[in-house]
Amino acid sequence: MFKLETWELLSYVVTVVGLPFAIFVFLLDKRKQRLIEEEEIYQRLSDEYTKFMRLVMDNADLRLLSREIPPGLSEEQLERKKGLFNILVALFERSYILVWEERMSPQTRRLWQSWEDYMRDWCRRKDFREALPELLRGEDESFAAHISRIAKQEARNEK
């Protein structure tokens, strides 16, 4: 059959070729797994934003999808608007904590950019910007600084 030298040679071949290949496959699999996890996080957050938008549509009398702020809202309407803004800020904070990173991969940056767009869109509303200081009480400090910066930029762009 095989001589001892042949078995030794085969073990060297496996060590030299097989081990680096196995490490490469492992790292590639880990990378794919991380991308899938990022997509799942984004999908869950996206689903939550869709639910929020359904709430907004269910409360159409508040006119939250309009740029125009309706005058003379009742106390009950103001309370519902405040509640919806609270839900929105909590969702934005969750997306910030789960997606935003100092150094983002192109994939993560793409996922984050849609959340930044949502934040900018809502920060264009004067009533949302005015409610932000109260809404941000007790929230993550870096998130609060981030969305406050966006709100200031959008307020300047409004003028």
C-alpha atoms as a PDB file:
ATOM      1  CA  MET A   1       0.000   0.000   0.000  1.00  0.00           C
ATOM      2  CA  PHE A   2       1.270   3.461   0.932  1.00  0.00           C
ATOM      3  CA  LYS A   3       4.669   3.916   2.429  1.00  0.00           C
ATOM      4  CA  LEU A   4       5.225   6.094   5.453  1.00  0.00           C
ATOM      5  CA  GLU A   5       6.886   8.748   3.274  1.00  0.00           C
ATOM      6  CA  THR A   6       3.760   8.948   1.087  1.00  0.00           C
ATOM      7  CA  TRP A   7       1.532   9.470   4.120  1.00  0.00           C
ATOM      8  CA  GLU A   8       3.893  12.138   5.384  1.00  0.00           C
ATOM      9  CA  LEU A   9       3.879  13.901   2.024  1.00  0.00           C
ATOM     10  CA  LEU A  10       0.073  13.804   1.918  1.00  0.00           C
ATOM     11  CA  SER A  11      -0.166  15.247   5.423  1.00  0.00           C
ATOM     12  CA  TYR A  12       2.134  18.104   4.394  1.00  0.00           C
ATOM     13  CA  VAL A  13      -0.001  18.762   1.304  1.00  0.00           C
ATOM     14  CA  VAL A  14      -3.150  18.862   3.437  1.00  0.00           C
ATOM     15  CA  THR A  15      -1.459  21.181   5.923  1.00  0.00           C
ATOM     16  CA  VAL A  16      -0.036  23.517   3.283  1.00  0.00           C
ATOM     17  CA  VAL A  17      -3.073  23.609   0.960  1.00  0.00           C
ATOM     18  CA  GLY A  18      -6.051  22.381   2.953  1.00  0.00           C
ATOM     19  CA  LEU A  19      -5.642  24.423   6.119  1.00  0.00           C
ATOM     20  CA  PRO A  20      -5.355  27.839   4.404  1.00  0.00           C
ATOM     21  CA  PHE A  21      -8.273  26.876   2.139  1.00  0.00           C
ATOM     22  CA  ALA A  22     -10.377  25.903   5.167  1.00  0.00           C
ATOM     23  CA  ILE A  23      -9.545  29.209   6.865  1.00  0.00           C
ATOM     24  CA  PHE A  24     -10.466  31.104   3.698  1.00  0.00           C
ATOM     25  CA  VAL A  25     -13.805  29.280   3.430  1.00  0.00           C
ATOM     26  CA  PHE A  26     -14.495  29.916   7.119  1.00  0.00           C
ATOM     27  CA  LEU A  27     -13.778  33.654   6.806  1.00  0.00           C
ATOM     28  CA  LEU A  28     -15.857  33.904   3.639  1.00  0.00           C
ATOM     29  CA  ASP A  29     -18.748  32.171   5.383  1.00  0.00           C
ATOM     30  CA  LYS A  30     -18.447  34.527   8.372  1.00  0.00           C
ATOM     31  CA  ARG A  31     -18.549  37.537   6.044  1.00  0.00           C
ATOM     32  CA  LYS A  32     -21.664  36.228   4.290  1.00  0.00           C
ATOM     33  CA  GLN A  33     -23.266  35.540   7.644  1.00  0.00           C
ATOM     34  CA  ARG A  34     -22.534  39.104   8.810  1.00  0.00           C
ATOM     35  CA  LEU A  35     -24.072  40.533   5.626  1.00  0.00           C
ATOM     36  CA  ILE A  36     -27.173  38.398   6.112  1.00  0.00           C
ATOM     37  CA  GLU A  37     -27.457  39.571   9.730  1.00  0.00           C
ATOM     38  CA  GLU A  38     -27.143  43.211   8.623  1.00  0.00           C
ATOM     39  CA  GLU A  39     -29.881  42.672   6.034  1.00  0.00           C
ATOM     40  CA  GLU A  40     -32.112  41.044   8.667  1.00  0.00           C
ATOM     41  CA  ILE A  41     -31.609  43.967  11.041  1.00  0.00           C
ATOM     42  CA  TYR A  42     -32.406  46.406   8.268  1.00  0.00           C
ATOM     43  CA  GLN A  43     -35.502  44.402   7.271  1.00  0.00           C
ATOM     44  CA  ARG A  44     -36.820  44.318  10.849  1.00  0.00           C
ATOM     45  CA  LEU A  45     -36.256  48.053  11.233  1.00  0.00           C
ATOM     46  CA  SER A  46     -37.880  48.663   7.871  1.00  0.00           C
ATOM     47  CA  ASP A  47     -40.897  46.621   8.961  1.00  0.00           C
ATOM     48  CA  GLU A  48     -41.129  48.713  12.120  1.00  0.00           C
ATOM     49  CA  TYR A  49     -41.043  51.915  10.065  1.00  0.00           C
ATOM     50  CA  THR A  50     -43.810  50.520   7.841  1.00  0.00           C
ATOM     51  CA  LYS A  51     -45.901  49.838  10.961  1.00  0.00           C
ATOM     52  CA  PHE A  52     -45.235  53.372  12.108  1.00  0.00           C
ATOM     53  CA  MET A  53     -46.381  54.745   8.759  1.00  0.00           C
ATOM     54  CA  ARG A  54     -49.605  52.740   9.114  1.00  0.00           C
ATOM     55  CA  LEU A  55     -50.121  54.464  12.465  1.00  0.00           C
ATOM     56  CA  VAL A  56     -49.561  57.796  10.754  1.00  0.00           C
ATOM     57  CA  MET A  57     -52.154  56.933   8.126  1.00  0.00           C
ATOM     58  CA  ASP A  58     -54.578  55.737  10.819  1.00  0.00           C
ATOM     59  CA  ASN A  59     -54.200  59.182  12.370  1.00  0.00           C
ATOM     60  CA  ALA A  60     -54.600  61.132   9.142  1.00  0.00           C
ATOM     61  CA  ASP A  61     -56.354  63.967  10.972  1.00  0.00           C
ATOM     62  CA  LEU A  62     -52.943  64.949  12.369  1.00  0.00           C
ATOM     63  CA  ARG A  63     -51.682  65.539   8.810  1.00  0.00           C
ATOM     64  CA  LEU A  64     -48.207  64.163   9.587  1.00  0.00           C
ATOM     65  CA  LEU A  65     -47.533  63.318   5.960  1.00  0.00           C
ATOM     66  CA  SER A  66     -48.133  66.895   4.936  1.00  0.00           C
ATOM     67  CA  ARG A  67     -45.523  69.645   5.153  1.00  0.00           C
ATOM     68  CA  GLU A  68     -48.259  71.972   6.348  1.00  0.00           C
ATOM     69  CA  ILE A  69     -48.816  71.884  10.095  1.00  0.00           C
ATOM     70  CA  PRO A  70     -52.574  71.937  10.744  1.00  0.00           C
ATOM     71  CA  PRO A  71     -53.704  74.801  12.966  1.00  0.00           C
ATOM     72  CA  GLY A  72     -55.892  74.336  16.013  1.00  0.00           C
ATOM     73  CA  LEU A  73     -55.336  70.718  16.920  1.00  0.00           C
ATOM     74  CA  SER A  74     -57.344  69.560  19.929  1.00  0.00           C
ATOM     75  CA  GLU A  75     -55.647  68.420  23.138  1.00  0.00           C
ATOM     76  CA  GLU A  76     -56.375  64.804  22.185  1.00  0.00           C
ATOM     77  CA  GLN A  77     -54.828  65.281  18.732  1.00  0.00           C
ATOM     78  CA  LEU A  78     -51.741  66.944  20.207  1.00  0.00           C
ATOM     79  CA  GLU A  79     -51.378  64.014  22.603  1.00  0.00           C
ATOM     80  CA  ARG A  80     -51.606  61.485  19.745  1.00  0.00           C
ATOM     81  CA  LYS A  81     -49.064  63.473  17.715  1.00  0.00           C
ATOM     82  CA  LYS A  82     -46.684  63.524  20.674  1.00  0.00           C
ATOM     83  CA  GLY A  83     -47.119  59.759  21.075  1.00  0.00           C
ATOM     84  CA  LEU A  84     -46.382  59.169  17.397  1.00  0.00           C
ATOM     85  CA  PHE A  85     -43.307  61.383  17.568  1.00  0.00           C
ATOM     86  CA  ASN A  86     -42.136  59.367  20.609  1.00  0.00           C
ATOM     87  CA  ILE A  87     -42.520  56.118  18.675  1.00  0.00           C
ATOM     88  CA  LEU A  88     -40.646  57.622  15.734  1.00  0.00           C
ATOM     89  CA  VAL A  89     -37.728  58.845  17.841  1.00  0.00           C
ATOM     90  CA  ALA A  90     -37.469  55.438  19.533  1.00  0.00           C
ATOM     91  CA  LEU A  91     -37.356  53.805  16.094  1.00  0.00           C
ATOM     92  CA  PHE A  92     -34.713  56.261  14.882  1.00  0.00           C
ATOM     93  CA  GLU A  93     -32.648  55.629  18.014  1.00  0.00           C
ATOM     94  CA  ARG A  94     -32.873  51.856  17.533  1.00  0.00           C
ATOM     95  CA  SER A  95     -31.758  52.193  13.917  1.00  0.00           C
ATOM     96  CA  TYR A  96     -28.877  54.437  14.987  1.00  0.00           C
ATOM     97  CA  ILE A  97     -27.714  51.988  17.643  1.00  0.00           C
ATOM     98  CA  LEU A  98     -28.033  48.922  15.408  1.00  0.00           C
ATOM     99  CA  VAL A  99     -26.817  50.284  12.073  1.00  0.00           C
ATOM    100  CA  TRP A 100     -24.676  53.408  12.476  1.00  0.00           C
ATOM    101  CA  GLU A 101     -20.932  52.931  12.824  1.00  0.00           C
ATOM    102  CA  GLU A 102     -18.000  55.315  12.756  1.00  0.00           C
ATOM    103  CA  ARG A 103     -16.427  53.392   9.868  1.00  0.00           C
ATOM    104  CA  MET A 104     -19.095  51.788   7.735  1.00  0.00           C
ATOM    105  CA  SER A 105     -18.700  49.243   5.017  1.00  0.00           C
ATOM    106  CA  PRO A 106     -20.375  50.205   1.718  1.00  0.00           C
ATOM    107  CA  GLN A 107     -23.234  47.808   2.560  1.00  0.00           C
ATOM    108  CA  THR A 108     -23.768  49.300   6.024  1.00  0.00           C
ATOM    109  CA  ARG A 109     -23.528  52.826   4.617  1.00  0.00           C
ATOM    110  CA  ARG A 110     -26.227  51.970   2.081  1.00  0.00           C
ATOM    111  CA  LEU A 111     -28.484  50.643   4.854  1.00  0.00           C
ATOM    112  CA  TRP A 112     -27.779  53.638   7.074  1.00  0.00           C
ATOM    113  CA  GLN A 113     -28.393  56.202   4.335  1.00  0.00           C
ATOM    114  CA  SER A 114     -32.079  55.311   4.100  1.00  0.00           C
ATOM    115  CA  TRP A 115     -32.461  55.932   7.849  1.00  0.00           C
ATOM    116  CA  GLU A 116     -30.630  59.211   7.576  1.00  0.00           C
ATOM    117  CA  ASP A 117     -33.053  60.168   4.777  1.00  0.00           C
ATOM    118  CA  TYR A 118     -36.047  59.344   7.009  1.00  0.00           C
ATOM    119  CA  MET A 119     -34.568  61.443   9.809  1.00  0.00           C
ATOM    120  CA  ARG A 120     -33.947  64.360   7.482  1.00  0.00           C
ATOM    121  CA  ASP A 121     -37.455  64.117   6.096  1.00  0.00           C
ATOM    122  CA  TRP A 122     -39.029  64.275   9.542  1.00  0.00           C
ATOM    123  CA  CYS A 123     -36.622  67.000  10.700  1.00  0.00           C
ATOM    124  CA  ARG A 124     -37.954  69.180   7.885  1.00  0.00           C
ATOM    125  CA  ARG A 125     -41.168  69.421   9.909  1.00  0.00           C
ATOM    126  CA  LYS A 126     -41.024  72.396  12.234  1.00  0.00           C
ATOM    127  CA  ASP A 127     -43.311  70.740  14.814  1.00  0.00           C
ATOM    128  CA  PHE A 128     -41.054  67.675  14.947  1.00  0.00           C
ATOM    129  CA  ARG A 129     -37.927  69.824  15.379  1.00  0.00           C
ATOM    130  CA  GLU A 130     -39.623  71.802  18.136  1.00  0.00           C
ATOM    131  CA  ALA A 131     -40.630  68.598  19.933  1.00  0.00           C
ATOM    132  CA  LEU A 132     -37.150  67.030  19.652  1.00  0.00           C
ATOM    133  CA  PRO A 133     -35.561  68.443  22.826  1.00  0.00           C
ATOM    134  CA  GLU A 134     -38.279  66.875  24.961  1.00  0.00           C
ATOM    135  CA  LEU A 135     -38.369  63.681  22.891  1.00  0.00           C
ATOM    136  CA  LEU A 136     -34.601  63.207  23.235  1.00  0.00           C
ATOM    137  CA  ARG A 137     -34.572  63.395  27.023  1.00  0.00           C
ATOM    138  CA  GLY A 138     -33.018  60.166  28.304  1.00  0.00           C
ATOM    139  CA  GLU A 139     -32.096  58.878  24.850  1.00  0.00           C
ATOM    140  CA  ASP A 140     -28.640  57.738  23.762  1.00  0.00           C
ATOM    141  CA  GLU A 141     -26.377  60.801  23.828  1.00  0.00           C
ATOM    142  CA  SER A 142     -24.618  60.189  20.529  1.00  0.00           C
ATOM    143  CA  PHE A 143     -27.957  59.534  18.802  1.00  0.00           C
ATOM    144  CA  ALA A 144     -29.412  62.708  20.332  1.00  0.00           C
ATOM    145  CA  ALA A 145     -26.415  64.706  19.090  1.00  0.00           C
ATOM    146  CA  HIS A 146     -26.706  63.140  15.636  1.00  0.00           C
ATOM    147  CA  ILE A 147     -30.403  63.845  15.092  1.00  0.00           C
ATOM    148  CA  SER A 148     -30.090  67.300  16.666  1.00  0.00           C
ATOM    149  CA  ARG A 149     -27.366  68.106  14.144  1.00  0.00           C
ATOM    150  CA  ILE A 150     -29.662  66.939  11.332  1.00  0.00           C
ATOM    151  CA  ALA A 151     -32.520  69.052  12.713  1.00  0.00           C
ATOM    152  CA  LYS A 152     -30.318  72.152  12.789  1.00  0.00           C
ATOM    153  CA  GLN A 153     -29.186  71.550   9.202  1.00  0.00           C
ATOM    154  CA  GLU A 154     -32.772  71.106   8.012  1.00  0.00           C
ATOM    155  CA  ALA A 155     -33.902  74.239   9.887  1.00  0.00           C
ATOM    156  CA  ARG A 156     -31.157  76.220   8.133  1.00  0.00           C
ATOM    157  CA  ASN A 157     -32.146  74.753   4.759  1.00  0.00           C
ATOM    158  CA  GLU A 158     -35.744  75.812   5.369  1.00  0.00           C
ATOM    159  CA  LYS A 159     -34.854  79.498   5.480  1.00  0.00           C
END
